[in-house]
Protein backbone atom coordinates (compact mmCIF):
# COMPACT_ATOMS: atom_id res chain seq x y z
CA MET A 1 -28.50 8.49 -9.33
CA PRO A 2 -26.21 10.67 -7.20
CA SER A 3 -23.40 9.52 -4.96
CA ILE A 4 -23.10 10.31 -1.25
CA ASP A 5 -20.69 13.15 -0.94
CA ASP A 6 -20.01 12.67 2.79
CA PRO A 7 -18.93 9.01 3.32
CA ALA A 8 -18.94 9.44 7.06
CA ALA A 9 -22.48 10.85 7.32
CA PRO A 10 -24.25 9.13 10.23
CA THR A 11 -26.87 6.59 9.15
CA ALA A 12 -29.12 7.68 12.08
CA ALA A 13 -29.92 10.88 10.21
CA ARG A 14 -31.23 9.03 7.15
CA PRO A 15 -34.90 8.02 6.64
CA PRO A 16 -35.85 4.43 7.44
CA LEU A 17 -35.58 1.81 4.66
CA PRO A 18 -38.82 0.95 2.81
CA ASP A 19 -40.41 -2.22 4.03
CA LEU A 20 -39.03 -5.30 2.07
CA ALA A 21 -40.23 -7.92 4.54
CA ARG A 22 -42.38 -9.69 2.01
CA ALA A 23 -39.84 -9.60 -0.82
CA ARG A 24 -38.13 -12.89 -1.88
CA ALA A 25 -34.57 -12.32 -2.94
CA TRP A 26 -31.78 -14.26 -4.71
CA ILE A 27 -28.03 -13.55 -4.46
CA VAL A 28 -26.39 -14.61 -7.67
CA THR A 29 -22.57 -14.97 -7.94
CA ASP A 30 -20.05 -17.60 -9.01
CA GLY A 31 -19.15 -18.13 -5.40
CA LYS A 32 -16.20 -15.66 -5.28
CA ALA A 33 -16.10 -14.58 -1.64
CA GLY A 34 -15.42 -10.87 -2.35
CA ASP A 35 -18.49 -10.63 -4.64
CA GLU A 36 -20.82 -12.75 -2.52
CA ASN A 37 -19.89 -10.90 0.74
CA GLN A 38 -20.84 -7.55 -0.86
CA CYS A 39 -24.23 -8.98 -1.93
CA VAL A 40 -24.94 -10.52 1.45
CA GLY A 41 -23.97 -7.35 3.25
CA ILE A 42 -26.63 -5.45 1.34
CA ALA A 43 -29.25 -8.24 1.68
CA GLU A 44 -28.73 -8.43 5.48
CA THR A 45 -28.81 -4.70 5.86
CA LEU A 46 -32.25 -4.70 4.09
CA GLY A 47 -33.44 -7.56 6.22
CA LEU A 48 -34.25 -9.71 3.19
CA ASP A 49 -35.25 -13.30 3.06
CA TYR A 50 -32.64 -14.44 0.53
CA ALA A 51 -31.28 -17.54 -1.15
CA VAL A 52 -27.78 -17.79 -2.53
CA ARG A 53 -27.55 -19.11 -6.09
CA HIS A 54 -24.13 -20.03 -7.57
CA VAL A 55 -23.48 -20.01 -11.30
CA PRO A 56 -20.72 -22.08 -12.79
CA ALA A 57 -17.29 -20.59 -12.27
CA ALA A 58 -15.55 -22.58 -15.00
CA GLY A 59 -16.21 -23.78 -18.49
CA PRO A 60 -16.74 -22.09 -21.85
CA PHE A 61 -19.87 -20.12 -20.78
CA GLY A 62 -17.80 -18.57 -17.99
CA TRP A 63 -15.03 -17.71 -20.43
CA ILE A 64 -17.29 -15.51 -22.57
CA ALA A 65 -19.20 -13.85 -19.74
CA PRO A 66 -20.54 -11.21 -19.34
CA TRP A 67 -21.47 -11.00 -23.04
CA GLY A 68 -22.45 -14.59 -23.90
CA PRO A 69 -25.45 -16.75 -22.95
CA ILE A 70 -25.95 -18.80 -19.82
CA ASP A 71 -25.18 -22.56 -19.64
CA PRO A 72 -28.41 -24.14 -20.93
CA ARG A 73 -28.20 -26.69 -18.18
CA GLU A 74 -28.72 -23.87 -15.69
CA GLY A 75 -31.67 -22.35 -17.51
CA PRO A 76 -34.87 -20.94 -15.84
CA ARG A 77 -37.03 -23.85 -17.05
CA ARG A 78 -34.89 -26.50 -15.44
CA LYS A 79 -35.87 -28.23 -12.19
CA THR A 80 -32.37 -27.86 -10.86
CA GLY A 81 -29.61 -25.31 -11.37
CA ALA A 82 -28.91 -21.64 -10.58
CA LEU A 83 -32.22 -20.34 -11.84
CA ALA A 84 -34.55 -23.21 -10.81
CA GLY A 85 -37.71 -22.54 -8.89
CA PRO A 86 -40.07 -19.54 -8.67
CA PHE A 87 -38.34 -16.34 -9.65
CA PRO A 88 -37.56 -13.83 -6.86
CA ASP A 89 -38.97 -10.34 -6.38
CA LEU A 90 -35.42 -8.96 -6.09
CA LEU A 91 -32.12 -10.35 -7.52
CA ILE A 92 -28.82 -8.98 -6.34
CA ALA A 93 -25.77 -10.14 -8.37
CA SER A 94 -22.07 -9.52 -8.68
CA GLY A 95 -19.22 -10.78 -10.79
CA ARG A 96 -19.03 -10.97 -14.57
CA ARG A 97 -20.12 -14.63 -14.73
CA ALA A 98 -23.42 -13.62 -13.00
CA VAL A 99 -24.36 -11.06 -15.72
CA PRO A 100 -25.79 -13.53 -18.23
CA TYR A 101 -27.93 -15.10 -15.50
CA LEU A 102 -29.26 -11.72 -14.38
CA ARG A 103 -30.07 -11.06 -18.04
CA ALA A 104 -31.85 -14.40 -18.38
CA VAL A 105 -34.04 -13.67 -15.35
CA ARG A 106 -34.96 -10.21 -16.70
CA ARG A 107 -35.94 -11.78 -20.00
CA ALA A 108 -37.85 -14.68 -18.44
CA THR A 109 -39.86 -12.53 -16.11
CA GLY A 110 -40.47 -9.60 -18.50
CA GLY A 111 -38.69 -7.32 -16.09
CA ARG A 112 -40.95 -8.18 -13.10
CA THR A 113 -37.97 -9.22 -11.04
CA PHE A 114 -36.12 -6.14 -9.83
CA THR A 115 -32.44 -6.62 -10.60
CA ALA A 116 -29.45 -5.04 -8.78
CA PHE A 117 -25.85 -5.46 -9.77
CA LEU A 118 -22.81 -4.56 -7.64
CA LYS A 119 -19.77 -3.32 -9.57
CA ASP A 120 -19.58 -2.56 -13.27
CA PRO A 121 -21.25 -5.34 -15.26
CA ARG A 122 -19.21 -4.24 -18.31
CA THR A 123 -22.36 -4.43 -20.51
CA GLY A 124 -23.70 -0.93 -19.95
CA ALA A 125 -25.76 0.89 -17.39
CA ASP A 126 -29.02 -0.59 -18.71
CA SER A 127 -27.86 -4.09 -17.66
CA ALA A 128 -29.83 -3.94 -14.37
CA ASP A 129 -32.52 -1.81 -12.76
CA PHE A 130 -30.05 -0.67 -10.08
CA ILE A 131 -26.19 -0.67 -10.29
CA TRP A 132 -23.67 0.23 -7.65
CA VAL A 133 -20.10 1.04 -8.58
CA PRO A 134 -17.33 2.68 -6.53
CA ASP A 135 -16.61 6.33 -7.26
CA TYR A 136 -13.41 5.44 -9.03
CA ASP A 137 -15.27 3.50 -11.77
CA ASP A 138 -16.40 5.43 -14.89
CA LEU A 139 -19.86 3.87 -15.31
CA ARG A 140 -22.62 6.48 -14.80
CA GLY A 141 -26.35 6.58 -15.53
CA PRO A 142 -29.71 7.47 -13.92
CA ASN A 143 -29.82 4.07 -12.25
CA VAL A 144 -26.11 3.95 -11.21
CA PHE A 145 -25.26 4.71 -7.59
CA THR A 146 -21.75 5.42 -6.39
CA THR A 147 -19.99 5.59 -3.06
CA LEU A 148 -16.34 5.98 -2.00
CA THR A 149 -16.05 2.52 -0.39
CA ALA A 150 -17.55 -0.87 -1.10
CA PRO A 151 -20.30 -2.78 0.71
CA HIS A 152 -19.26 -5.51 3.11
CA LEU A 153 -20.21 -7.66 6.16
CA VAL A 154 -18.26 -5.72 8.76
CA THR A 155 -21.31 -3.89 10.17
CA ALA A 156 -21.50 -1.64 13.21
CA ALA A 157 -23.51 -4.32 14.98
CA ARG A 158 -20.90 -7.01 14.34
CA ILE A 159 -18.10 -4.72 15.47
CA ALA A 160 -19.97 -3.85 18.63
CA ALA A 161 -20.65 -7.47 19.40
CA ALA A 162 -17.00 -8.48 18.92
CA ARG A 163 -15.93 -5.71 21.29
CA ALA A 164 -18.47 -6.71 23.90
CA ARG A 165 -17.44 -10.38 23.71
CA PRO A 166 -13.88 -10.50 22.45
CA ASP A 167 -12.45 -13.67 21.07
CA PRO A 168 -10.31 -15.21 23.82
CA ARG A 169 -7.46 -15.78 21.32
CA LEU A 170 -7.27 -11.95 20.85
CA ALA A 171 -8.34 -10.66 24.22
CA SER A 172 -5.23 -12.17 25.84
CA ILE A 173 -2.86 -10.18 23.64
CA GLY A 174 -1.23 -7.34 25.49
CA GLY A 175 0.13 -4.02 24.33
CA THR A 176 -1.07 -1.99 21.47
CA ARG A 177 -2.95 -4.37 19.13
CA ILE A 178 -2.44 -3.96 15.41
CA ALA A 179 -4.65 -5.81 12.92
CA VAL A 180 -2.59 -6.70 9.88
CA LEU A 181 -4.65 -7.54 6.74
CA VAL A 182 -2.42 -9.11 4.07
CA GLY A 183 -3.67 -9.64 0.56
CA GLY A 184 -1.82 -11.32 -2.25
CA ASP A 185 -1.01 -11.66 -5.90
CA SER A 186 -3.79 -10.71 -8.40
CA ARG A 187 -4.14 -9.96 -12.14
CA HIS A 188 -3.20 -6.37 -11.41
CA LEU A 189 -0.01 -6.97 -9.38
CA SER A 190 2.40 -9.54 -7.91
CA TYR A 191 4.31 -9.23 -4.67
CA ARG A 192 8.00 -8.82 -5.29
CA LYS A 193 10.65 -10.02 -2.90
CA THR A 194 11.49 -6.42 -2.05
CA ASP A 195 7.79 -5.67 -1.17
CA MET A 196 7.58 -8.70 1.19
CA LEU A 197 10.85 -7.80 2.93
CA ARG A 198 9.73 -4.14 3.34
CA LEU A 199 6.41 -5.19 4.87
CA VAL A 200 7.96 -7.53 7.34
CA ASP A 201 10.67 -5.00 8.30
CA ASP A 202 8.04 -2.26 8.86
CA LEU A 203 5.93 -4.64 11.00
CA ARG A 204 9.01 -5.52 13.02
CA VAL A 205 9.45 -1.82 13.89
CA LEU A 206 6.00 -1.79 15.37
CA VAL A 207 6.78 -4.91 17.39
CA GLU A 208 9.93 -3.34 18.76
CA ARG A 209 7.69 -0.50 20.03
CA GLU A 210 5.57 -2.86 22.14
CA CYS A 211 2.85 -3.44 19.49
CA ARG A 212 1.40 -6.85 19.01
CA LEU A 213 0.21 -8.16 15.70
CA MET A 214 -3.15 -9.83 14.89
CA VAL A 215 -2.59 -11.13 11.34
CA THR A 216 -4.86 -12.57 8.67
CA VAL A 217 -3.59 -13.59 5.26
CA SER A 218 -5.26 -14.42 1.94
CA ARG A 219 -5.26 -17.57 -0.13
CA ARG A 220 -3.41 -15.42 -2.63
CA THR A 221 -0.65 -14.46 -0.18
CA PRO A 222 2.78 -15.68 -1.36
CA ASN A 223 4.12 -18.50 0.85
CA PRO A 224 7.36 -16.64 1.77
CA LEU A 225 5.36 -13.66 3.02
CA ARG A 226 2.81 -15.84 4.82
CA ASP A 227 5.59 -17.74 6.66
CA ALA A 228 7.46 -14.55 7.55
CA VAL A 229 4.51 -12.66 9.08
CA LYS A 230 3.38 -15.81 10.88
CA ALA A 231 6.71 -16.28 12.48
CA LEU A 232 6.93 -12.57 13.42
CA ALA A 233 3.47 -12.59 14.95
CA LEU A 234 3.86 -15.84 16.96
CA GLU A 235 7.37 -15.12 18.15
CA THR A 236 6.37 -11.78 19.61
CA GLY A 237 3.11 -12.57 21.46
CA GLY A 238 0.77 -11.85 18.53
CA PHE A 239 -1.65 -14.03 16.59
CA LEU A 240 -2.13 -15.30 13.06
CA TRP A 241 -5.27 -17.07 11.94
CA ASP A 242 -4.13 -20.17 10.03
CA GLY A 243 -7.59 -21.39 9.09
CA THR A 244 -8.08 -23.34 12.33
CA GLY A 245 -11.27 -22.64 14.25
CA GLU A 246 -13.65 -19.74 13.69
CA ASN A 247 -12.29 -16.91 11.56
CA PRO A 248 -11.73 -14.00 14.06
CA TYR A 249 -11.52 -11.39 11.27
CA VAL A 250 -14.19 -9.04 12.61
CA GLY A 251 -12.78 -9.51 16.10
CA MET A 252 -9.34 -8.40 14.93
CA LEU A 253 -10.83 -5.27 13.38
CA ALA A 254 -12.96 -4.52 16.46
CA LEU A 255 -10.11 -4.82 18.93
CA ALA A 256 -7.40 -3.11 16.87
CA ASP A 257 -5.84 0.13 18.05
CA ALA A 258 -4.73 0.55 14.38
CA ILE A 259 -5.03 -1.48 11.17
CA VAL A 260 -2.32 -2.12 8.61
CA VAL A 261 -3.75 -3.27 5.23
CA THR A 262 -2.02 -3.96 1.90
CA SER A 263 -3.03 -1.87 -1.06
CA ASP A 264 -3.97 -4.71 -3.32
CA SER A 265 -7.50 -5.10 -1.77
CA ALA A 266 -10.00 -2.23 -1.93
CA ASN A 267 -12.41 -4.59 -0.11
CA MET A 268 -10.24 -4.92 2.93
CA VAL A 269 -9.60 -1.19 3.07
CA SER A 270 -13.36 -0.58 2.98
CA GLU A 271 -13.80 -2.98 5.87
CA ALA A 272 -10.99 -1.42 7.85
CA VAL A 273 -12.35 2.14 7.69
CA ALA A 274 -15.72 0.94 8.97
CA THR A 275 -14.13 0.59 12.43
CA GLY A 276 -13.03 4.14 13.05
CA ALA A 277 -9.50 2.90 13.88
CA PRO A 278 -6.47 4.49 12.18
CA VAL A 279 -5.84 2.69 8.84
CA LEU A 280 -2.31 2.44 7.60
CA LEU A 281 -1.89 1.48 3.95
CA PHE A 282 1.13 -0.56 2.89
CA ASP A 283 1.59 0.66 -0.65
CA LEU A 284 2.58 -1.76 -3.40
CA PRO A 285 4.14 -0.13 -6.45
CA ARG A 286 1.79 -1.78 -8.97
CA THR A 287 -1.43 -0.96 -7.11
CA TYR A 288 -4.45 -0.70 -9.43
CA ILE A 289 -4.59 2.98 -10.37
CA ARG A 290 -8.33 3.28 -9.83
CA HIS A 291 -7.97 2.01 -6.29
CA ARG A 292 -5.55 4.86 -5.64
CA ARG A 293 -8.48 7.24 -6.22
CA MET A 294 -10.32 5.63 -3.40
CA PHE A 295 -7.33 5.69 -1.12
CA ALA A 296 -6.87 9.37 -1.86
CA GLY A 297 -10.50 10.06 -0.83
CA LEU A 298 -10.05 8.18 2.40
CA ALA A 299 -6.89 10.13 3.17
CA ILE A 300 -8.79 13.34 2.60
CA ALA A 301 -11.45 12.06 5.04
CA GLY A 302 -8.72 11.60 7.68
CA ALA A 303 -9.11 7.79 7.84
CA LEU A 304 -5.98 6.57 6.09
CA ARG A 305 -2.22 7.26 5.89
CA PRO A 306 0.69 5.42 4.34
CA PHE A 307 2.31 2.74 6.46
CA THR A 308 5.97 3.34 7.08
CA GLY A 309 6.60 1.34 10.20
CA ARG A 310 5.03 3.76 12.68
CA LEU A 311 1.57 4.54 13.98
CA GLU A 312 -0.45 7.65 12.93
CA PRO A 313 -2.96 9.40 15.26
CA LEU A 314 -5.98 9.50 13.00
CA SER A 315 -9.49 10.45 14.16
CA TYR A 316 -12.57 10.10 11.98
CA LYS A 317 -16.09 8.74 12.02
CA PRO A 318 -16.44 5.18 10.81
CA ILE A 319 -16.98 5.06 7.08
CA ASP A 320 -19.47 2.42 5.98
CA ALA A 321 -21.16 2.60 2.56
CA THR A 322 -23.24 -0.57 3.07
CA PRO A 323 -26.28 1.03 4.64
CA VAL A 324 -26.06 3.93 2.22
CA ILE A 325 -26.13 1.59 -0.77
CA ALA A 326 -28.87 -0.54 0.79
CA GLU A 327 -31.04 2.55 1.30
CA ALA A 328 -30.57 3.60 -2.30
CA LEU A 329 -31.44 0.19 -3.59
CA ALA A 330 -34.50 -0.05 -1.37
CA LYS A 331 -35.78 3.30 -2.60
CA ALA A 332 -35.31 2.25 -6.23
CA TYR A 333 -37.16 -0.96 -5.54
CA ALA A 334 -40.04 0.87 -3.82
CA ALA A 335 -40.29 3.37 -6.70
CA ARG A 336 -40.56 0.55 -9.13
CA ARG A 337 -43.33 -1.23 -7.23
CA ALA A 338 -45.18 2.00 -6.69
CA ALA A 339 -45.09 2.71 -10.46
CA GLU A 340 -46.33 -0.80 -11.20
CA ALA A 341 -49.23 -0.31 -8.77
CA ALA A 342 -50.27 3.05 -10.23
């Protein structure tokens, strides 16, 4: 299945999605926000009636996923659990712990449930009927679809709504507004003290040039960095979301004149370039090498430049792979149902 060569191609030029109004869908993950948001983004774009099913995130069956069996207490013949109830027409899953459960549904339904998996399941291209992976992954096959960026929930409609009715906490911020998306430690990298100092110093340069910061941090953000960016934002007329009240994440992106994002999160970069605002990447030395391939593609598209303490005048069409992936999935689903009816 081919990739989309032009990530900024306008969705208005594409044919309408096949009708999925009668399809019942499940979203299956272990509850990890990054995985679940990608699945929900696709389901909402398709207009699906979906239920979220969470598989166990801990325990021995999770340790051996994606290759092992499911927890028998969560099996399809149980009255409760992740696979209880009538099977769906369409199952969208993500995360390695969800793979055995997708496999169990395929086996229990004899393949009648159409299965879609987001990201590499690590068990081969034949693990689901439809698989999406980012371009930088190596998995390929006739049922594998690739795009430069990842699916997400930062849709054009949500961005437009946030601009039309701005969050009062953000609308009152004067000057040039900079959204700052800070990630954190992961299995691929850890923030060093020098990285944290460099980021804060570069942000301070922006503040000294009459910019105001709208900051969001991750649960993984090291406490010293969290405290430093919070102090910088609040002391200079900016904003940092501390978990109190509604999360204004989409509002920050919608109102930003530019976006600074750390290189540890490909998901946040994908969300940032969906806005059309200049995206400035704070590079961490141990950034996952495959993510660098995506960042290079976005730089070629004119959406992204390195962050060195100054703004860059970038102009590009918003890049959003979510409707592109949804369209490809819908076509694959429709083709399967047409073949079954023939």
